[in-house]
């Protein structure tokens, strides 16, 4: 009897210690994110470059669309300011004219302008609250001490629920399988310095449309005053459906302005 109880006691103590160690890094991450309220003024130049390939599996119908834009963005006590350089406005008009004459015309500025919006910049210039909301819904998997660019760091991995990626309830009803991993690399202060997201899903709408989605993205962050700023975001999204395969590849950067 004693031989059974002793190992069990050791196991319970080990499990309790491990759970505490795991939760400690998650708690440190959450505490660090809560400190970043994002109220300090900031200004930057946002650049977006992306490529979308439709019917990627069909050489005859394959179509490649590019997007490219650069704008200035700032946040101060008065609110969010987005400035379109005169060259961008002129280019948009030229592309609109070209598109009117030929719907197949290349219009990279018009294709990318949709990414310029308050919701996107709110996250990129002050990402802490959004990240905190995501990990509150996620399930902790594991943590690991690593070296990042020669410095000590910790990676914390979570499993993402479907609703953290697809916010529309009706769309979620079509999904039959979903797996998502959210990996946050944080520095010694608990601040995120890189976040990698990967997810795979598949589903069916009605009887004719079958869809498989694979997405991977990586973001690099830095802390400026009380803001967690996303400096770089790279992504690749693949969609396989009954009507063809589409691929989206892009890179967004936020270059901070120095007074």
C-alpha atoms as a PDB file:
ATOM      1  CA  UNK A   1       0.000   0.000   0.000  1.00  0.00           C
ATOM      2  CA  UNK A   2       2.769   2.415   0.847  1.00  0.00           C
ATOM      3  CA  UNK A   3       4.476   1.722  -2.458  1.00  0.00           C
ATOM      4  CA  UNK A   4       1.368   2.966  -4.294  1.00  0.00           C
ATOM      5  CA  UNK A   5       0.740   6.089  -2.245  1.00  0.00           C
ATOM      6  CA  UNK A   6       4.287   7.432  -2.378  1.00  0.00           C
ATOM      7  CA  UNK A   7       4.622   7.617  -6.184  1.00  0.00           C
ATOM      8  CA  UNK A   8       1.115   9.074  -6.449  1.00  0.00           C
ATOM      9  CA  UNK A   9       2.006  11.825  -3.981  1.00  0.00           C
ATOM     10  CA  UNK A  10       5.149  12.628  -5.925  1.00  0.00           C
ATOM     11  CA  UNK A  11       3.132  12.784  -9.161  1.00  0.00           C
ATOM     12  CA  UNK A  12       0.547  15.141  -7.632  1.00  0.00           C
ATOM     13  CA  UNK A  13       3.261  17.462  -6.328  1.00  0.00           C
ATOM     14  CA  UNK A  14       5.066  17.437  -9.670  1.00  0.00           C
ATOM     15  CA  UNK A  15       1.844  18.193 -11.546  1.00  0.00           C
ATOM     16  CA  UNK A  16       0.987  21.069  -9.191  1.00  0.00           C
ATOM     17  CA  UNK A  17       4.475  22.530  -9.584  1.00  0.00           C
ATOM     18  CA  UNK A  18       4.340  22.227 -13.404  1.00  0.00           C
ATOM     19  CA  UNK A  19       0.919  23.847 -13.592  1.00  0.00           C
ATOM     20  CA  UNK A  20       2.146  26.720 -11.431  1.00  0.00           C
ATOM     21  CA  UNK A  21       5.232  27.204 -13.641  1.00  0.00           C
ATOM     22  CA  UNK A  22       3.134  27.221 -16.805  1.00  0.00           C
ATOM     23  CA  UNK A  23       0.576  29.644 -15.406  1.00  0.00           C
ATOM     24  CA  UNK A  24       3.349  31.899 -14.134  1.00  0.00           C
ATOM     25  CA  UNK A  25       4.501  32.809 -17.651  1.00  0.00           C
ATOM     26  CA  UNK A  26       0.943  33.320 -18.882  1.00  0.00           C
ATOM     27  CA  UNK A  27       0.264  35.569 -15.903  1.00  0.00           C
ATOM     28  CA  UNK A  28       3.464  37.506 -16.568  1.00  0.00           C
ATOM     29  CA  UNK A  29       2.398  37.974 -20.190  1.00  0.00           C
ATOM     30  CA  UNK A  30      -1.075  39.198 -19.236  1.00  0.00           C
ATOM     31  CA  UNK A  31       0.278  41.584 -16.611  1.00  0.00           C
ATOM     32  CA  UNK A  32       2.714  43.064 -19.134  1.00  0.00           C
ATOM     33  CA  UNK A  33      -0.040  43.532 -21.740  1.00  0.00           C
ATOM     34  CA  UNK A  34      -2.301  45.297 -19.230  1.00  0.00           C
ATOM     35  CA  UNK A  35       0.425  47.884 -18.591  1.00  0.00           C
ATOM     36  CA  UNK A  36       0.440  48.912 -22.266  1.00  0.00           C
ATOM     37  CA  UNK A  37      -2.587  51.199 -22.351  1.00  0.00           C
ATOM     38  CA  UNK A  38      -1.664  52.818 -25.668  1.00  0.00           C
ATOM     39  CA  UNK A  39      -2.321  56.464 -24.830  1.00  0.00           C
ATOM     40  CA  UNK A  40       0.986  58.093 -25.808  1.00  0.00           C
ATOM     41  CA  UNK A  41       1.145  60.011 -29.139  1.00  0.00           C
ATOM     42  CA  UNK A  42       2.769  58.194 -32.028  1.00  0.00           C
ATOM     43  CA  UNK A  43       3.310  58.660 -35.757  1.00  0.00           C
ATOM     44  CA  UNK A  44       4.523  56.293 -38.463  1.00  0.00           C
ATOM     45  CA  UNK A  45       4.501  55.413 -42.139  1.00  0.00           C
ATOM     46  CA  UNK A  46       2.492  52.337 -43.077  1.00  0.00           C
ATOM     47  CA  UNK A  47       3.495  50.301 -46.126  1.00  0.00           C
ATOM     48  CA  UNK A  48       1.604  47.367 -47.564  1.00  0.00           C
ATOM     49  CA  UNK A  49       2.628  45.010 -50.354  1.00  0.00           C
ATOM     50  CA  UNK A  50       0.624  41.934 -51.216  1.00  0.00           C
ATOM     51  CA  UNK A  51      -0.044  39.465 -54.008  1.00  0.00           C
ATOM     52  CA  UNK A  52      -3.204  37.452 -54.574  1.00  0.00           C
ATOM     53  CA  UNK A  53      -3.266  34.520 -56.976  1.00  0.00           C
ATOM     54  CA  UNK A  54      -6.665  33.196 -58.004  1.00  0.00           C
ATOM     55  CA  UNK A  55      -7.119  29.774 -59.598  1.00  0.00           C
ATOM     56  CA  UNK A  56      -3.582  28.971 -58.570  1.00  0.00           C
ATOM     57  CA  UNK A  57      -4.100  25.344 -59.623  1.00  0.00           C
ATOM     58  CA  UNK A  58      -5.184  26.262 -63.179  1.00  0.00           C
ATOM     59  CA  UNK A  59      -2.494  27.580 -65.541  1.00  0.00           C
ATOM     60  CA  UNK A  60      -5.053  28.751 -68.107  1.00  0.00           C
ATOM     61  CA  UNK A  61      -7.248  30.757 -65.704  1.00  0.00           C
ATOM     62  CA  UNK A  62      -4.520  31.758 -63.235  1.00  0.00           C
ATOM     63  CA  UNK A  63      -4.673  35.472 -62.354  1.00  0.00           C
ATOM     64  CA  UNK A  64      -2.228  37.424 -60.233  1.00  0.00           C
ATOM     65  CA  UNK A  65      -3.230  40.669 -58.533  1.00  0.00           C
ATOM     66  CA  UNK A  66      -0.814  42.927 -56.668  1.00  0.00           C
ATOM     67  CA  UNK A  67      -1.346  45.604 -54.045  1.00  0.00           C
ATOM     68  CA  UNK A  68       0.955  48.385 -52.870  1.00  0.00           C
ATOM     69  CA  UNK A  69       0.403  51.534 -50.836  1.00  0.00           C
ATOM     70  CA  UNK A  70       2.191  53.854 -48.407  1.00  0.00           C
ATOM     71  CA  UNK A  71       0.434  56.332 -46.089  1.00  0.00           C
ATOM     72  CA  UNK A  72       1.242  58.330 -42.980  1.00  0.00           C
ATOM     73  CA  UNK A  73      -0.620  57.618 -39.760  1.00  0.00           C
ATOM     74  CA  UNK A  74      -0.578  59.311 -36.378  1.00  0.00           C
ATOM     75  CA  UNK A  75      -2.446  59.137 -33.077  1.00  0.00           C
ATOM     76  CA  UNK A  76      -2.612  62.021 -30.602  1.00  0.00           C
ATOM     77  CA  UNK A  77      -5.093  63.579 -28.160  1.00  0.00           C
ATOM     78  CA  UNK A  78      -7.333  64.584 -31.084  1.00  0.00           C
ATOM     79  CA  UNK A  79      -7.579  61.017 -32.400  1.00  0.00           C
ATOM     80  CA  UNK A  80      -6.376  58.979 -35.374  1.00  0.00           C
ATOM     81  CA  UNK A  81      -5.025  60.772 -38.445  1.00  0.00           C
ATOM     82  CA  UNK A  82      -4.402  59.079 -41.802  1.00  0.00           C
ATOM     83  CA  UNK A  83      -2.643  61.110 -44.483  1.00  0.00           C
ATOM     84  CA  UNK A  84      -2.641  60.052 -48.125  1.00  0.00           C
ATOM     85  CA  UNK A  85       0.321  61.624 -49.957  1.00  0.00           C
ATOM     86  CA  UNK A  86      -0.599  63.573 -53.070  1.00  0.00           C
ATOM     87  CA  UNK A  87       1.199  61.000 -55.194  1.00  0.00           C
ATOM     88  CA  UNK A  88      -1.043  58.242 -53.815  1.00  0.00           C
ATOM     89  CA  UNK A  89      -4.194  60.246 -54.632  1.00  0.00           C
ATOM     90  CA  UNK A  90      -2.956  60.932 -58.145  1.00  0.00           C
ATOM     91  CA  UNK A  91      -2.053  57.287 -58.661  1.00  0.00           C
ATOM     92  CA  UNK A  92      -5.480  56.160 -57.485  1.00  0.00           C
ATOM     93  CA  UNK A  93      -7.128  58.433 -60.058  1.00  0.00           C
ATOM     94  CA  UNK A  94      -4.885  57.162 -62.857  1.00  0.00           C
ATOM     95  CA  UNK A  95      -5.623  53.571 -61.899  1.00  0.00           C
ATOM     96  CA  UNK A  96      -9.357  54.282 -61.768  1.00  0.00           C
ATOM     97  CA  UNK A  97      -9.188  55.669 -65.294  1.00  0.00           C
ATOM     98  CA  UNK A  98      -7.222  52.660 -66.480  1.00  0.00           C
ATOM     99  CA  UNK A  99      -9.695  50.290 -64.853  1.00  0.00           C
ATOM    100  CA  UNK A 100     -12.619  52.074 -66.513  1.00  0.00           C
ATOM    101  CA  UNK A 101     -10.999  51.505 -69.890  1.00  0.00           C
ATOM    102  CA  UNK A 102      -9.853  47.946 -69.131  1.00  0.00           C
ATOM    103  CA  UNK A 103     -11.223  45.974 -66.217  1.00  0.00           C
ATOM    104  CA  UNK A 104      -8.118  43.757 -66.325  1.00  0.00           C
ATOM    105  CA  UNK A 105      -5.777  46.736 -65.820  1.00  0.00           C
ATOM    106  CA  UNK A 106      -3.206  46.525 -63.033  1.00  0.00           C
ATOM    107  CA  UNK A 107      -4.345  48.741 -60.134  1.00  0.00           C
ATOM    108  CA  UNK A 108      -2.073  47.974 -57.140  1.00  0.00           C
ATOM    109  CA  UNK A 109      -2.858  51.161 -55.210  1.00  0.00           C
ATOM    110  CA  UNK A 110      -6.618  50.697 -55.487  1.00  0.00           C
ATOM    111  CA  UNK A 111      -6.223  47.043 -54.541  1.00  0.00           C
ATOM    112  CA  UNK A 112      -4.328  47.924 -51.365  1.00  0.00           C
ATOM    113  CA  UNK A 113      -6.271  50.985 -50.220  1.00  0.00           C
ATOM    114  CA  UNK A 114      -8.856  48.807 -48.479  1.00  0.00           C
ATOM    115  CA  UNK A 115      -6.248  47.914 -45.853  1.00  0.00           C
ATOM    116  CA  UNK A 116      -6.078  51.557 -44.778  1.00  0.00           C
ATOM    117  CA  UNK A 117      -8.700  51.793 -42.048  1.00  0.00           C
ATOM    118  CA  UNK A 118      -9.090  52.762 -38.411  1.00  0.00           C
ATOM    119  CA  UNK A 119      -9.569  49.204 -37.143  1.00  0.00           C
ATOM    120  CA  UNK A 120      -6.337  47.982 -38.719  1.00  0.00           C
ATOM    121  CA  UNK A 121      -4.246  50.910 -37.477  1.00  0.00           C
ATOM    122  CA  UNK A 122      -5.746  50.732 -34.007  1.00  0.00           C
ATOM    123  CA  UNK A 123      -4.339  47.217 -33.665  1.00  0.00           C
ATOM    124  CA  UNK A 124      -1.006  47.902 -35.324  1.00  0.00           C
ATOM    125  CA  UNK A 125      -0.203  50.966 -33.222  1.00  0.00           C
ATOM    126  CA  UNK A 126      -1.651  49.609 -29.980  1.00  0.00           C
ATOM    127  CA  UNK A 127      -1.883  45.819 -30.106  1.00  0.00           C
ATOM    128  CA  UNK A 128      -1.818  44.897 -26.414  1.00  0.00           C
ATOM    129  CA  UNK A 129      -5.563  44.869 -25.701  1.00  0.00           C
ATOM    130  CA  UNK A 130      -6.393  42.840 -28.794  1.00  0.00           C
ATOM    131  CA  UNK A 131      -3.744  40.242 -27.965  1.00  0.00           C
ATOM    132  CA  UNK A 132      -4.988  40.058 -24.389  1.00  0.00           C
ATOM    133  CA  UNK A 133      -8.550  39.408 -25.592  1.00  0.00           C
ATOM    134  CA  UNK A 134      -7.322  36.622 -27.847  1.00  0.00           C
ATOM    135  CA  UNK A 135      -5.327  34.765 -25.206  1.00  0.00           C
ATOM    136  CA  UNK A 136      -8.204  35.101 -22.717  1.00  0.00           C
ATOM    137  CA  UNK A 137     -10.219  32.883 -25.083  1.00  0.00           C
ATOM    138  CA  UNK A 138      -7.316  30.572 -25.977  1.00  0.00           C
ATOM    139  CA  UNK A 139      -6.186  27.411 -24.187  1.00  0.00           C
ATOM    140  CA  UNK A 140      -2.655  27.255 -22.826  1.00  0.00           C
ATOM    141  CA  UNK A 141      -0.559  24.411 -24.299  1.00  0.00           C
ATOM    142  CA  UNK A 142       3.039  24.874 -23.187  1.00  0.00           C
ATOM    143  CA  UNK A 143       5.873  27.318 -22.591  1.00  0.00           C
ATOM    144  CA  UNK A 144       9.573  27.105 -23.330  1.00  0.00           C
ATOM    145  CA  UNK A 145      12.687  29.133 -22.585  1.00  0.00           C
ATOM    146  CA  UNK A 146      14.513  30.058 -25.787  1.00  0.00           C
ATOM    147  CA  UNK A 147      17.096  32.483 -27.189  1.00  0.00           C
ATOM    148  CA  UNK A 148      15.775  35.205 -29.496  1.00  0.00           C
ATOM    149  CA  UNK A 149      18.300  37.307 -31.428  1.00  0.00           C
ATOM    150  CA  UNK A 150      20.898  36.362 -28.836  1.00  0.00           C
ATOM    151  CA  UNK A 151      18.756  37.339 -25.835  1.00  0.00           C
ATOM    152  CA  UNK A 152      16.832  35.207 -23.323  1.00  0.00           C
ATOM    153  CA  UNK A 153      13.145  34.866 -24.180  1.00  0.00           C
ATOM    154  CA  UNK A 154      10.126  32.672 -23.547  1.00  0.00           C
ATOM    155  CA  UNK A 155       7.655  31.263 -26.054  1.00  0.00           C
ATOM    156  CA  UNK A 156       4.120  30.570 -24.829  1.00  0.00           C
ATOM    157  CA  UNK A 157       1.848  28.479 -27.047  1.00  0.00           C
ATOM    158  CA  UNK A 158      -1.940  28.439 -27.064  1.00  0.00           C
ATOM    159  CA  UNK A 159      -4.643  26.559 -28.900  1.00  0.00           C
ATOM    160  CA  UNK A 160      -7.095  28.933 -30.586  1.00  0.00           C
ATOM    161  CA  UNK A 161     -10.854  28.403 -30.696  1.00  0.00           C
ATOM    162  CA  UNK A 162     -12.631  28.835 -34.033  1.00  0.00           C
ATOM    163  CA  UNK A 163     -14.460  31.975 -32.894  1.00  0.00           C
ATOM    164  CA  UNK A 164     -11.149  33.796 -32.390  1.00  0.00           C
ATOM    165  CA  UNK A 165     -10.533  33.570 -36.146  1.00  0.00           C
ATOM    166  CA  UNK A 166     -14.059  33.585 -37.599  1.00  0.00           C
ATOM    167  CA  UNK A 167     -16.269  36.069 -35.787  1.00  0.00           C
ATOM    168  CA  UNK A 168     -19.418  35.454 -37.851  1.00  0.00           C
ATOM    169  CA  UNK A 169     -21.579  32.738 -36.273  1.00  0.00           C
ATOM    170  CA  UNK A 170     -23.208  31.713 -39.563  1.00  0.00           C
ATOM    171  CA  UNK A 171     -19.847  31.212 -41.244  1.00  0.00           C
ATOM    172  CA  UNK A 172     -18.634  29.135 -38.285  1.00  0.00           C
ATOM    173  CA  UNK A 173     -21.604  26.809 -38.736  1.00  0.00           C
ATOM    174  CA  UNK A 174     -20.113  25.647 -42.051  1.00  0.00           C
ATOM    175  CA  UNK A 175     -16.773  24.669 -40.493  1.00  0.00           C
ATOM    176  CA  UNK A 176     -16.408  20.970 -39.688  1.00  0.00           C
ATOM    177  CA  UNK A 177     -12.758  20.922 -38.589  1.00  0.00           C
ATOM    178  CA  UNK A 178     -10.443  23.579 -37.209  1.00  0.00           C
ATOM    179  CA  UNK A 179      -7.002  23.658 -35.587  1.00  0.00           C
ATOM    180  CA  UNK A 180      -5.220  26.853 -34.561  1.00  0.00           C
ATOM    181  CA  UNK A 181      -1.937  27.525 -32.768  1.00  0.00           C
ATOM    182  CA  UNK A 182      -0.970  30.920 -31.317  1.00  0.00           C
ATOM    183  CA  UNK A 183       2.692  31.268 -30.300  1.00  0.00           C
ATOM    184  CA  UNK A 184       3.870  34.354 -28.443  1.00  0.00           C
ATOM    185  CA  UNK A 185       7.575  35.007 -27.925  1.00  0.00           C
ATOM    186  CA  UNK A 186       8.050  37.432 -25.047  1.00  0.00           C
ATOM    187  CA  UNK A 187      11.099  39.173 -23.657  1.00  0.00           C
ATOM    188  CA  UNK A 188      12.318  39.202 -20.052  1.00  0.00           C
ATOM    189  CA  UNK A 189       9.714  41.875 -19.185  1.00  0.00           C
ATOM    190  CA  UNK A 190       6.852  39.769 -20.531  1.00  0.00           C
ATOM    191  CA  UNK A 191       6.319  41.979 -23.602  1.00  0.00           C
ATOM    192  CA  UNK A 192       5.563  40.180 -26.904  1.00  0.00           C
ATOM    193  CA  UNK A 193       8.333  40.564 -29.476  1.00  0.00           C
ATOM    194  CA  UNK A 194       7.020  38.095 -32.046  1.00  0.00           C
ATOM    195  CA  UNK A 195       3.714  36.321 -32.565  1.00  0.00           C
ATOM    196  CA  UNK A 196       3.172  33.416 -34.958  1.00  0.00           C
ATOM    197  CA  UNK A 197      -0.288  32.196 -35.870  1.00  0.00           C
ATOM    198  CA  UNK A 198      -1.148  29.062 -37.809  1.00  0.00           C
ATOM    199  CA  UNK A 199      -4.514  27.533 -38.480  1.00  0.00           C
ATOM    200  CA  UNK A 200      -6.113  24.937 -40.716  1.00  0.00           C
ATOM    201  CA  UNK A 201      -9.801  24.482 -41.335  1.00  0.00           C
ATOM    202  CA  UNK A 202     -12.252  22.840 -43.645  1.00  0.00           C
ATOM    203  CA  UNK A 203     -15.975  22.907 -44.138  1.00  0.00           C
ATOM    204  CA  UNK A 204     -18.857  22.692 -46.545  1.00  0.00           C
ATOM    205  CA  UNK A 205     -21.622  25.118 -47.470  1.00  0.00           C
ATOM    206  CA  UNK A 206     -24.677  23.406 -48.904  1.00  0.00           C
ATOM    207  CA  UNK A 207     -23.777  20.459 -51.171  1.00  0.00           C
ATOM    208  CA  UNK A 208     -21.687  22.117 -53.860  1.00  0.00           C
ATOM    209  CA  UNK A 209     -19.043  24.161 -52.032  1.00  0.00           C
ATOM    210  CA  UNK A 210     -16.212  22.484 -50.171  1.00  0.00           C
ATOM    211  CA  UNK A 211     -13.508  24.693 -48.667  1.00  0.00           C
ATOM    212  CA  UNK A 212     -10.119  24.090 -47.046  1.00  0.00           C
ATOM    213  CA  UNK A 213      -8.162  26.967 -45.529  1.00  0.00           C
ATOM    214  CA  UNK A 214      -4.536  27.099 -44.409  1.00  0.00           C
ATOM    215  CA  UNK A 215      -3.071  30.248 -42.922  1.00  0.00           C
ATOM    216  CA  UNK A 216       0.282  31.202 -41.419  1.00  0.00           C
ATOM    217  CA  UNK A 217       1.410  34.625 -40.288  1.00  0.00           C
ATOM    218  CA  UNK A 218       4.207  36.154 -38.278  1.00  0.00           C
ATOM    219  CA  UNK A 219       4.353  39.576 -36.620  1.00  0.00           C
ATOM    220  CA  UNK A 220       7.215  41.461 -34.971  1.00  0.00           C
ATOM    221  CA  UNK A 221       6.502  43.943 -32.154  1.00  0.00           C
ATOM    222  CA  UNK A 222       8.244  46.598 -30.125  1.00  0.00           C
ATOM    223  CA  UNK A 223       7.246  48.723 -27.132  1.00  0.00           C
ATOM    224  CA  UNK A 224       7.151  52.498 -27.625  1.00  0.00           C
ATOM    225  CA  UNK A 225       6.227  54.380 -24.441  1.00  0.00           C
ATOM    226  CA  UNK A 226       2.981  52.656 -23.367  1.00  0.00           C
ATOM    227  CA  UNK A 227       2.235  51.140 -26.787  1.00  0.00           C
ATOM    228  CA  UNK A 228       2.868  47.697 -28.235  1.00  0.00           C
ATOM    229  CA  UNK A 229       3.495  48.456 -31.912  1.00  0.00           C
ATOM    230  CA  UNK A 230       3.462  45.892 -34.695  1.00  0.00           C
ATOM    231  CA  UNK A 231       6.455  46.757 -36.866  1.00  0.00           C
ATOM    232  CA  UNK A 232       6.110  43.968 -39.393  1.00  0.00           C
ATOM    233  CA  UNK A 233       3.472  41.480 -40.459  1.00  0.00           C
ATOM    234  CA  UNK A 234       3.982  38.718 -43.021  1.00  0.00           C
ATOM    235  CA  UNK A 235       1.308  36.242 -44.026  1.00  0.00           C
ATOM    236  CA  UNK A 236       0.394  33.480 -46.445  1.00  0.00           C
ATOM    237  CA  UNK A 237      -3.157  32.274 -46.875  1.00  0.00           C
ATOM    238  CA  UNK A 238      -4.237  29.323 -49.024  1.00  0.00           C
ATOM    239  CA  UNK A 239      -7.837  28.514 -49.891  1.00  0.00           C
ATOM    240  CA  UNK A 240      -8.842  25.341 -51.725  1.00  0.00           C
ATOM    241  CA  UNK A 241     -12.451  25.204 -52.851  1.00  0.00           C
ATOM    242  CA  UNK A 242     -14.717  23.486 -55.345  1.00  0.00           C
ATOM    243  CA  UNK A 243     -14.217  26.473 -57.654  1.00  0.00           C
ATOM    244  CA  UNK A 244     -10.401  26.703 -57.547  1.00  0.00           C
ATOM    245  CA  UNK A 245      -7.409  27.442 -55.364  1.00  0.00           C
ATOM    246  CA  UNK A 246      -6.438  30.936 -54.208  1.00  0.00           C
ATOM    247  CA  UNK A 247      -3.232  32.096 -52.531  1.00  0.00           C
ATOM    248  CA  UNK A 248      -2.599  35.406 -50.753  1.00  0.00           C
ATOM    249  CA  UNK A 249       0.902  36.504 -49.738  1.00  0.00           C
ATOM    250  CA  UNK A 250       1.699  39.831 -48.147  1.00  0.00           C
ATOM    251  CA  UNK A 251       3.968  41.953 -46.002  1.00  0.00           C
ATOM    252  CA  UNK A 252       3.005  45.050 -44.010  1.00  0.00           C
ATOM    253  CA  UNK A 253       5.455  47.316 -42.232  1.00  0.00           C
ATOM    254  CA  UNK A 254       5.094  50.218 -39.821  1.00  0.00           C
ATOM    255  CA  UNK A 255       8.075  52.588 -39.883  1.00  0.00           C
ATOM    256  CA  UNK A 256       8.038  54.805 -36.830  1.00  0.00           C
ATOM    257  CA  UNK A 257       8.646  58.521 -37.266  1.00  0.00           C
ATOM    258  CA  UNK A 258      11.388  60.022 -35.128  1.00  0.00           C
ATOM    259  CA  UNK A 259      11.003  63.638 -34.009  1.00  0.00           C
END
